[in-house]
Amino acid sequence: MSEQTGTAGVGILEPQAGAARFGPGRAVVLPGGTAVERAAVVNPAWLGIGQAIDFARAAALFPCRILVARGRQVADAKHALDLAALGAAAGARLVLTAHGPRAAEAVCGLSMLIDSGYRLDRCGEDQEET
């Protein structure tokens, strides 16, 4: 895995070429309690300020540090303005990284929220069937 420097010196981890694929519900958990997962934005309206506020509130339910990266841009998942500044439109690929208690649960849950188009009733469904 390669590392990019994120907010406050916390690293965002990206799988290197040829690494195992991962996605909703398949977080990579690294030694030391860091969990990493990818998500794809499917909702054309995501990530407006309304969704950013709701996403930040969902992230705040977890006691771990959570970062969301789009390319080299990194946002604190618990700060709505940081998230909105990512400019993540439909088709954007995001990497969620969490460190601390419940890190894997956080990245799994939040990535399912993103991959579902931010429809809570669809979290965890296979998006290819829709």
Protein backbone atom coordinates (compact mmCIF):
# COMPACT_ATOMS: atom_id res chain seq x y z
CA MET A 1 0.00 0.00 0.00
CA SER A 2 1.17 3.52 -0.69
CA GLU A 3 0.45 6.42 1.61
CA GLN A 4 -0.64 10.01 1.00
CA THR A 5 -0.49 12.59 3.75
CA GLY A 6 -3.93 13.60 4.89
CA THR A 7 -5.39 16.10 7.31
CA ALA A 8 -3.28 16.65 10.42
CA GLY A 9 -0.59 14.27 9.18
CA VAL A 10 -2.82 11.20 9.18
CA GLY A 11 -2.08 8.99 6.18
CA ILE A 12 -4.53 7.78 3.56
CA LEU A 13 -3.66 4.32 2.35
CA GLU A 14 -4.17 3.29 -1.28
CA PRO A 15 -3.79 -0.29 -2.44
CA GLN A 16 -0.95 -0.75 -4.89
CA ALA A 17 -1.46 -2.16 -8.36
CA GLY A 18 -2.33 -5.83 -8.22
CA ALA A 19 -3.58 -5.67 -4.63
CA ALA A 20 -6.74 -7.55 -3.72
CA ARG A 21 -9.91 -5.65 -4.53
CA PHE A 22 -12.10 -4.47 -1.71
CA GLY A 23 -15.42 -2.69 -1.45
CA PRO A 24 -18.56 -2.46 0.65
CA GLY A 25 -18.38 -4.85 3.55
CA ARG A 26 -14.82 -5.93 2.67
CA ALA A 27 -12.58 -3.53 4.57
CA VAL A 28 -8.86 -4.17 4.65
CA VAL A 29 -7.76 -4.08 8.27
CA LEU A 30 -4.10 -3.32 8.81
CA PRO A 31 -1.96 -3.94 11.90
CA GLY A 32 -2.48 -1.21 14.45
CA GLY A 33 -6.23 -0.92 13.97
CA THR A 34 -6.42 0.99 10.67
CA ALA A 35 -9.21 -0.02 8.27
CA VAL A 36 -9.41 0.97 4.61
CA GLU A 37 -12.26 0.62 2.13
CA ARG A 38 -13.26 2.05 -1.25
CA ALA A 39 -16.60 3.47 -2.30
CA ALA A 40 -18.02 4.71 -5.60
CA VAL A 41 -20.38 7.68 -5.70
CA VAL A 42 -23.53 6.68 -7.61
CA ASN A 43 -25.92 9.49 -6.66
CA PRO A 44 -25.64 12.53 -8.99
CA ALA A 45 -26.59 14.81 -6.08
CA TRP A 46 -23.91 13.40 -3.79
CA LEU A 47 -22.12 15.14 -2.07
CA GLY A 48 -24.12 18.34 -1.63
CA ILE A 49 -24.11 20.13 1.70
CA GLY A 50 -27.27 18.36 2.91
CA GLN A 51 -25.80 14.92 2.31
CA ALA A 52 -22.45 16.09 3.70
CA ILE A 53 -24.11 17.12 6.97
CA ASP A 54 -25.93 13.79 7.23
CA PHE A 55 -22.76 11.84 6.36
CA ALA A 56 -20.75 13.77 8.97
CA ARG A 57 -23.41 12.99 11.56
CA ALA A 58 -23.24 9.28 10.67
CA ALA A 59 -19.43 9.38 10.89
CA ALA A 60 -19.64 11.09 14.28
CA LEU A 61 -21.36 7.98 15.67
CA PHE A 62 -18.00 6.18 15.52
CA PRO A 63 -15.26 6.89 18.07
CA CYS A 64 -12.44 6.46 15.52
CA ARG A 65 -10.72 9.00 13.27
CA ILE A 66 -12.20 8.73 9.74
CA LEU A 67 -10.85 10.33 6.58
CA VAL A 68 -12.36 10.37 3.09
CA ALA A 69 -10.04 10.84 0.11
CA ARG A 70 -10.78 11.66 -3.51
CA GLY A 71 -7.52 11.55 -5.38
CA ARG A 72 -5.12 13.68 -3.37
CA GLN A 73 -7.89 15.64 -1.63
CA VAL A 74 -8.57 14.49 1.92
CA ALA A 75 -11.51 15.37 4.17
CA ASP A 76 -12.30 14.68 7.79
CA ALA A 77 -15.46 12.55 7.58
CA LYS A 78 -16.89 14.27 10.66
CA HIS A 79 -16.77 17.77 9.11
CA ALA A 80 -19.46 18.54 6.53
CA LEU A 81 -17.66 21.46 4.88
CA ASP A 82 -14.54 19.33 4.37
CA LEU A 83 -16.70 16.66 2.72
CA ALA A 84 -18.53 19.11 0.48
CA ALA A 85 -15.18 20.58 -0.62
CA LEU A 86 -14.20 17.18 -2.06
CA GLY A 87 -16.57 17.83 -4.97
CA ALA A 88 -17.38 14.12 -5.23
CA ALA A 89 -19.88 13.81 -8.06
CA ALA A 90 -21.37 10.64 -9.53
CA GLY A 91 -18.62 8.33 -10.69
CA ALA A 92 -16.06 9.59 -8.18
CA ARG A 93 -14.02 6.93 -6.40
CA LEU A 94 -13.42 7.53 -2.71
CA VAL A 95 -11.13 5.85 -0.20
CA LEU A 96 -12.25 5.74 3.42
CA THR A 97 -9.59 5.25 6.10
CA ALA A 98 -10.30 4.91 9.80
CA HIS A 99 -8.05 4.37 12.77
CA GLY A 100 -9.12 3.46 16.28
CA PRO A 101 -12.04 1.70 17.94
CA ARG A 102 -14.64 0.31 15.52
CA ALA A 103 -12.58 1.39 12.49
CA ALA A 104 -13.62 -1.54 10.28
CA GLU A 105 -17.27 -1.09 11.21
CA ALA A 106 -17.03 2.62 10.40
CA VAL A 107 -15.53 2.26 6.92
CA CYS A 108 -17.86 -0.62 6.04
CA GLY A 109 -20.99 1.22 7.11
CA LEU A 110 -20.03 4.55 5.58
CA SER A 111 -18.90 3.01 2.29
CA MET A 112 -22.22 1.15 2.01
CA LEU A 113 -23.96 4.48 2.58
CA ILE A 114 -22.00 6.02 -0.32
CA ASP A 115 -22.37 3.00 -2.63
CA SER A 116 -26.12 2.88 -2.00
CA GLY A 117 -26.57 6.39 -3.39
CA TYR A 118 -27.16 7.54 0.18
CA ARG A 119 -30.41 5.62 0.37
CA LEU A 120 -30.45 3.93 3.74
CA ASP A 121 -33.01 1.39 2.53
CA ARG A 122 -30.51 0.12 -0.10
CA CYS A 123 -27.34 -0.12 1.98
CA GLY A 124 -25.57 -3.39 1.32
CA GLU A 125 -27.45 -4.28 -1.86
CA ASP A 126 -25.48 -5.28 -4.91
CA GLN A 127 -25.51 -2.09 -7.00
CA GLU A 128 -25.00 -3.97 -10.28
CA GLU A 129 -28.50 -5.42 -10.07
CA THR A 130 -30.19 -1.99 -10.19
